[in-house]
Amino acid sequence: MKIGIVGSGLVGATAAYAMVMQGVGREIVLVDLNEKRARAEADDIYHAVPFAEPLNIVGGGYSDLKGCRVVIIAAGVGQKPGETRLQLLGRNAAVFRVVIPSILEHAPDAILIVATNPVDIMTHLTARYAAEHGVSSRRVIGSGTTLDTARFRSLLARHVGIDARHVHAYVVGEHGDSEVLVWSRITVGGIPLEEFCKEQNIELNDAIKATIDENVRRAAYHIIEGKGATYYGIGSALARITDIILHDQRAILTVCTPASEIAGVPDVTVAMPHILGGAGIMDDHIPLILSNDEQTKLHHSATLIRQLITDLDTTT
């Protein structure tokens, strides 16, 4: 089971490291515009193999992606001082115009996992470019709000004192400021959150909810302020998505892929719960019954992304 990672910066390299630690796949190829960086990261991570799982990891070029079941895309350019979000999108779109065909030339059957931000729009563009090579959008998966959902679950778990694996909650919409924390559908061990808290004498008021919301929604800002970048969480999320695909686990994650309609917004890409398996996305998305307020917020989030896609198409 061969995995490619295009972009060997902090996110791409950390994803590779997470896979080695967890034993995801059998071979990993790192590809980067800076090939020296890709080979150095591969060597450094490979030296951890005796302490982890028996994977082979190497640096290489696009031709070395041949035979990959999954290719993670973590390539892209950073925002320049004074540059607008739309200008940054335009430059990253130009990068992907080269990257996507280069991947598919050598790994035409691979499932593509997009990690580059803004991930919703970059996933939309990836699907568009991949379609030109006959690739279904079901094989194009953005990391979406997988990490945001994990943050939400972990903070809820800390509050109620339960293993996060038994707390079920979703964050949907944009991976960004307009994301929607779905409070109305949270369960702990199958019990609705508010009922669980009442039975366990755990306080859960609006102030506590607001604090958790802030710590989920603004998590990246707080981390970047303290250390300059986020990579452990997203690296682990990418490893999990890859493992699900390689082993056809039929797991449900809040990833993003192009949809004909979300919350009344047509032709848009935002995160929703999806079933993932060996062939990629296996459904349109899991029907999620939201409160009226959550539905309104999701419509707003999807509208923001749809407008950015339109603006980008107009300027490029």
Protein backbone atom coordinates (compact mmCIF):
# COMPACT_ATOMS: atom_id res chain seq x y z
CA MET A 1 0.00 0.00 0.00
CA LYS A 2 1.82 3.02 -1.35
CA ILE A 3 1.11 6.60 -0.29
CA GLY A 4 2.33 9.83 -1.89
CA ILE A 5 2.62 13.19 -0.16
CA VAL A 6 3.12 16.26 -2.35
CA GLY A 7 4.43 19.12 -0.26
CA SER A 8 7.06 18.28 2.36
CA GLY A 9 6.60 21.23 4.68
CA LEU A 10 5.40 20.93 8.26
CA VAL A 11 1.98 19.49 7.40
CA GLY A 12 3.17 16.98 4.80
CA ALA A 13 6.15 15.79 6.85
CA THR A 14 4.09 15.51 10.04
CA ALA A 15 1.45 13.47 8.20
CA ALA A 16 4.21 11.10 7.07
CA TYR A 17 5.55 10.87 10.61
CA ALA A 18 2.06 10.12 11.97
CA MET A 19 1.68 7.32 9.43
CA VAL A 20 5.00 5.78 10.44
CA MET A 21 4.04 5.95 14.13
CA GLN A 22 0.64 4.33 13.41
CA GLY A 23 1.74 1.86 10.73
CA VAL A 24 -0.44 3.32 7.98
CA GLY A 25 0.50 1.87 4.58
CA ARG A 26 3.71 0.17 3.58
CA GLU A 27 5.58 2.80 1.55
CA ILE A 28 5.50 6.60 1.60
CA VAL A 29 6.95 8.90 -1.07
CA LEU A 30 7.54 12.57 -0.28
CA VAL A 31 7.56 14.97 -3.23
CA ASP A 32 8.39 18.65 -3.06
CA LEU A 33 9.47 21.48 -5.35
CA ASN A 34 12.52 21.51 -3.08
CA GLU A 35 13.57 17.92 -3.68
CA LYS A 36 16.45 18.24 -1.21
CA ARG A 37 13.91 19.07 1.53
CA ALA A 38 11.75 16.07 0.56
CA ARG A 39 14.68 13.66 0.75
CA ALA A 40 15.90 15.13 4.05
CA GLU A 41 12.45 14.82 5.67
CA ALA A 42 12.14 11.26 4.36
CA ASP A 43 15.52 10.28 5.78
CA ASP A 44 14.79 11.87 9.15
CA ILE A 45 11.42 10.12 9.48
CA TYR A 46 12.81 6.80 8.24
CA HIS A 47 15.29 6.81 11.10
CA ALA A 48 12.29 6.54 13.47
CA VAL A 49 11.09 3.30 11.84
CA PRO A 50 12.97 0.99 14.27
CA PHE A 51 10.98 2.61 17.10
CA ALA A 52 7.63 2.45 15.29
CA GLU A 53 6.24 0.44 12.36
CA PRO A 54 8.04 -1.23 9.41
CA LEU A 55 7.38 1.29 6.64
CA ASN A 56 9.67 2.46 3.89
CA ILE A 57 9.78 6.20 3.32
CA VAL A 58 11.70 7.99 0.56
CA GLY A 59 11.92 11.37 -1.15
CA GLY A 60 11.45 11.59 -4.89
CA GLY A 61 9.75 13.24 -7.85
CA TYR A 62 6.32 12.94 -9.43
CA SER A 63 7.36 9.84 -11.38
CA ASP A 64 7.94 8.08 -8.05
CA LEU A 65 4.21 8.37 -7.29
CA LYS A 66 3.52 5.49 -9.68
CA GLY A 67 1.37 2.88 -7.96
CA CYS A 68 0.15 5.14 -5.13
CA ARG A 69 -3.31 4.29 -3.78
CA VAL A 70 -3.55 7.67 -2.07
CA VAL A 71 -1.80 11.00 -2.70
CA ILE A 72 -2.01 13.74 -0.08
CA ILE A 73 -1.65 17.29 -1.41
CA ALA A 74 -0.08 19.67 1.09
CA ALA A 75 1.59 21.93 -1.46
CA GLY A 76 0.91 25.63 -1.84
CA VAL A 77 2.19 29.13 -1.28
CA GLY A 78 1.88 31.29 1.83
CA GLN A 79 0.16 34.64 2.07
CA LYS A 80 2.33 37.67 1.34
CA PRO A 81 2.13 40.87 3.42
CA GLY A 82 -0.79 42.96 2.15
CA GLU A 83 -2.08 40.16 -0.08
CA THR A 84 -5.84 39.55 -0.11
CA ARG A 85 -7.34 36.11 0.38
CA LEU A 86 -8.52 36.17 -3.23
CA GLN A 87 -5.01 36.96 -4.50
CA LEU A 88 -3.61 34.09 -2.44
CA LEU A 89 -6.27 31.80 -3.88
CA GLY A 90 -5.27 32.83 -7.39
CA ARG A 91 -1.64 31.95 -6.76
CA ASN A 92 -2.50 28.60 -5.16
CA ALA A 93 -4.87 27.84 -8.03
CA ALA A 94 -1.93 28.33 -10.40
CA VAL A 95 0.15 25.93 -8.31
CA PHE A 96 -2.58 23.28 -8.39
CA ARG A 97 -2.95 23.72 -12.14
CA VAL A 98 0.52 22.19 -12.36
CA VAL A 99 0.43 19.83 -9.38
CA ILE A 100 -2.81 17.93 -10.12
CA PRO A 101 -1.94 16.89 -13.71
CA SER A 102 1.59 15.99 -12.59
CA ILE A 103 0.20 13.64 -9.94
CA LEU A 104 -2.39 12.05 -12.22
CA GLU A 105 0.12 11.52 -15.02
CA HIS A 106 1.94 9.02 -12.81
CA ALA A 107 -0.79 7.91 -10.38
CA PRO A 108 -4.00 8.03 -12.45
CA ASP A 109 -5.92 5.73 -10.08
CA ALA A 110 -4.99 7.47 -6.84
CA ILE A 111 -7.47 9.00 -4.42
CA LEU A 112 -6.50 12.63 -3.81
CA ILE A 113 -6.62 14.08 -0.28
CA VAL A 114 -6.33 17.87 -0.13
CA ALA A 115 -4.84 19.57 2.93
CA THR A 116 -3.82 22.94 1.45
CA ASN A 117 -5.75 25.93 2.82
CA PRO A 118 -8.28 27.31 2.25
CA VAL A 119 -9.10 23.65 1.98
CA ASP A 120 -12.74 23.94 0.85
CA ILE A 121 -11.89 26.01 -2.19
CA MET A 122 -8.67 24.13 -2.99
CA THR A 123 -10.65 20.88 -2.91
CA HIS A 124 -13.23 22.39 -5.27
CA LEU A 125 -10.45 23.37 -7.67
CA THR A 126 -8.72 20.00 -7.35
CA ALA A 127 -11.92 18.22 -8.34
CA ARG A 128 -12.30 20.57 -11.31
CA TYR A 129 -8.73 19.97 -12.53
CA ALA A 130 -8.94 16.23 -11.86
CA ALA A 131 -12.19 15.98 -13.85
CA GLU A 132 -10.24 17.12 -16.90
CA HIS A 133 -8.35 13.83 -16.55
CA GLY A 134 -11.45 11.70 -16.08
CA VAL A 135 -11.29 11.53 -12.28
CA SER A 136 -14.59 11.45 -10.38
CA SER A 137 -15.07 13.96 -7.58
CA ARG A 138 -15.69 10.94 -5.30
CA ARG A 139 -11.92 10.42 -5.48
CA VAL A 140 -11.18 14.01 -4.36
CA ILE A 141 -11.39 14.52 -0.60
CA GLY A 142 -10.55 17.63 1.38
CA SER A 143 -9.61 17.31 5.04
CA GLY A 144 -12.49 19.73 5.66
CA THR A 145 -13.42 20.06 9.32
CA THR A 146 -11.98 16.69 10.36
CA LEU A 147 -9.55 18.49 12.66
CA ASP A 148 -12.20 20.96 13.89
CA THR A 149 -14.46 18.04 14.76
CA ALA A 150 -11.59 16.38 16.65
CA ARG A 151 -10.98 19.63 18.55
CA PHE A 152 -14.68 19.84 19.41
CA ARG A 153 -14.81 16.24 20.62
CA SER A 154 -11.63 16.57 22.66
CA LEU A 155 -12.80 19.74 24.45
CA LEU A 156 -16.23 18.25 25.14
CA ALA A 157 -14.56 15.11 26.45
CA ARG A 158 -12.39 17.15 28.79
CA HIS A 159 -15.45 18.98 30.09
CA VAL A 160 -17.52 15.86 30.79
CA GLY A 161 -14.57 13.68 31.86
CA ILE A 162 -15.08 10.97 29.26
CA ASP A 163 -12.75 9.40 26.66
CA ALA A 164 -13.10 11.50 23.47
CA ARG A 165 -13.72 8.33 21.46
CA HIS A 166 -17.11 8.06 23.18
CA VAL A 167 -18.11 11.66 22.47
CA HIS A 168 -19.80 12.09 19.10
CA ALA A 169 -20.12 15.58 17.65
CA TYR A 170 -19.71 17.36 14.33
CA VAL A 171 -18.34 20.61 13.01
CA VAL A 172 -19.63 21.31 9.48
CA GLY A 173 -19.32 24.01 6.84
CA GLU A 174 -16.20 25.99 6.08
CA HIS A 175 -12.89 25.03 7.66
CA GLY A 176 -12.60 28.55 9.02
CA ASP A 177 -14.35 31.31 10.89
CA SER A 178 -17.87 30.51 9.62
CA GLU A 179 -17.77 26.82 10.59
CA VAL A 180 -20.80 25.46 12.42
CA LEU A 181 -20.53 23.57 15.72
CA VAL A 182 -23.52 21.23 15.79
CA TRP A 183 -24.50 21.33 19.45
CA SER A 184 -27.95 19.88 18.81
CA ARG A 185 -26.66 16.42 17.77
CA ILE A 186 -23.96 15.73 20.40
CA THR A 187 -24.08 12.41 22.23
CA VAL A 188 -21.90 10.91 24.96
CA GLY A 189 -22.01 7.12 24.92
CA GLY A 190 -25.19 7.36 22.86
CA ILE A 191 -26.87 9.70 25.36
CA PRO A 192 -27.72 13.29 24.31
CA LEU A 193 -25.16 15.68 25.81
CA GLU A 194 -27.56 17.72 27.91
CA GLU A 195 -29.20 14.59 29.32
CA PHE A 196 -25.79 13.10 30.12
CA CYS A 197 -24.68 16.28 31.90
CA LYS A 198 -27.89 16.43 33.89
CA GLU A 199 -27.54 12.80 35.02
CA GLN A 200 -23.88 13.30 35.96
CA ASN A 201 -24.44 16.70 37.64
CA ILE A 202 -22.11 18.41 35.15
CA GLU A 203 -22.77 22.09 34.52
CA LEU A 204 -23.32 23.04 30.88
CA ASN A 205 -24.46 26.62 30.42
CA ASP A 206 -24.21 29.20 27.64
CA ALA A 207 -20.92 30.58 29.00
CA ILE A 208 -19.30 27.13 28.96
CA LYS A 209 -20.59 26.51 25.43
CA ALA A 210 -19.23 29.88 24.30
CA THR A 211 -15.80 29.07 25.72
CA ILE A 212 -15.70 25.70 23.96
CA ASP A 213 -16.89 27.34 20.73
CA GLU A 214 -14.12 29.93 20.97
CA ASN A 215 -11.47 27.30 21.65
CA VAL A 216 -12.58 25.26 18.64
CA ARG A 217 -13.23 28.08 16.18
CA ARG A 218 -10.12 30.08 17.10
CA ALA A 219 -7.80 27.16 17.84
CA ALA A 220 -5.56 27.70 14.83
CA TYR A 221 -5.15 31.40 15.62
CA HIS A 222 -4.12 30.66 19.21
CA ILE A 223 -1.64 27.96 18.15
CA ILE A 224 -0.14 30.04 15.35
CA GLU A 225 0.26 32.97 17.73
CA GLY A 226 2.21 30.76 20.11
CA LYS A 227 4.33 28.65 17.73
CA GLY A 228 3.84 29.89 14.20
CA ALA A 229 1.94 26.97 12.61
CA THR A 230 -0.35 24.01 13.25
CA TYR A 231 0.67 20.55 12.08
CA TYR A 232 0.32 17.77 14.68
CA GLY A 233 -3.47 17.73 14.62
CA ILE A 234 -3.85 17.96 10.84
CA GLY A 235 -1.01 15.50 10.29
CA SER A 236 -2.83 12.96 12.46
CA ALA A 237 -6.13 13.70 10.70
CA LEU A 238 -4.54 13.03 7.30
CA ALA A 239 -3.08 9.76 8.59
CA ARG A 240 -6.54 8.72 9.79
CA ILE A 241 -8.23 9.57 6.49
CA THR A 242 -5.56 7.62 4.60
CA ASP A 243 -5.89 4.57 6.87
CA ILE A 244 -9.68 4.54 6.37
CA ILE A 245 -9.24 4.50 2.60
CA LEU A 246 -6.47 1.89 2.50
CA HIS A 247 -8.48 -0.51 4.65
CA ASP A 248 -11.95 0.33 3.30
CA GLN A 249 -13.15 1.02 6.84
CA ARG A 250 -16.44 2.75 5.90
CA ALA A 251 -15.90 5.39 8.58
CA ILE A 252 -17.78 8.68 8.90
CA LEU A 253 -15.71 11.88 8.90
CA THR A 254 -16.50 15.55 8.27
CA VAL A 255 -14.52 15.90 5.05
CA CYS A 256 -15.32 18.08 2.05
CA THR A 257 -15.95 17.23 -1.59
CA PRO A 258 -17.94 19.06 -4.29
CA ALA A 259 -21.69 18.86 -3.78
CA SER A 260 -24.55 19.82 -6.06
CA GLU A 261 -26.18 21.61 -3.12
CA ILE A 262 -25.55 22.25 0.57
CA ALA A 263 -28.09 24.12 2.73
CA GLY A 264 -29.67 25.62 -0.37
CA VAL A 265 -26.35 26.74 -1.89
CA PRO A 266 -25.61 25.12 -5.28
CA ASP A 267 -22.29 23.73 -6.58
CA VAL A 268 -20.24 24.24 -3.43
CA THR A 269 -17.60 22.45 -1.39
CA VAL A 270 -17.83 22.55 2.41
CA ALA A 271 -17.45 19.87 5.05
CA MET A 272 -20.30 17.50 5.90
CA PRO A 273 -20.32 14.01 7.41
CA HIS A 274 -19.39 11.52 4.69
CA ILE A 275 -18.82 7.78 4.57
CA LEU A 276 -15.23 7.05 3.47
CA GLY A 277 -14.06 3.75 2.05
CA GLY A 278 -11.65 2.16 -0.35
CA ALA A 279 -13.08 4.00 -3.36
CA GLY A 280 -13.12 7.40 -1.64
CA ILE A 281 -16.37 9.24 -0.88
CA MET A 282 -19.21 6.72 -0.77
CA ASP A 283 -22.25 8.98 -0.41
CA ASP A 284 -23.61 12.45 -1.20
CA HIS A 285 -23.37 13.14 2.53
CA ILE A 286 -24.96 11.79 5.69
CA PRO A 287 -28.35 13.50 6.30
CA LEU A 288 -27.78 15.67 9.35
CA ILE A 289 -30.83 17.08 11.12
CA LEU A 290 -29.86 20.56 12.29
CA SER A 291 -31.64 23.12 14.41
CA ASN A 292 -33.04 26.13 12.54
CA ASP A 293 -30.17 28.27 13.83
CA GLU A 294 -27.55 25.73 12.75
CA GLN A 295 -29.16 25.40 9.31
CA THR A 296 -29.04 29.18 8.88
CA LYS A 297 -25.38 29.25 9.90
CA LEU A 298 -24.54 26.44 7.49
CA HIS A 299 -26.27 28.30 4.66
CA HIS A 300 -24.20 31.39 5.53
CA SER A 301 -20.97 29.37 5.61
CA ALA A 302 -21.65 27.68 2.27
CA THR A 303 -22.63 31.02 0.72
CA LEU A 304 -19.27 32.54 1.72
CA ILE A 305 -17.37 29.71 0.04
CA ARG A 306 -19.57 29.78 -3.06
CA GLN A 307 -18.94 33.54 -3.43
CA LEU A 308 -15.17 33.10 -3.16
CA ILE A 309 -15.28 30.40 -5.86
CA THR A 310 -17.29 32.77 -8.09
CA ASP A 311 -14.92 35.65 -7.42
CA LEU A 312 -11.91 33.45 -8.18
CA ASP A 313 -13.46 32.27 -11.45
CA THR A 314 -14.11 35.88 -12.42
CA THR A 315 -10.53 37.04 -11.79
CA THR A 316 -8.62 34.07 -13.26
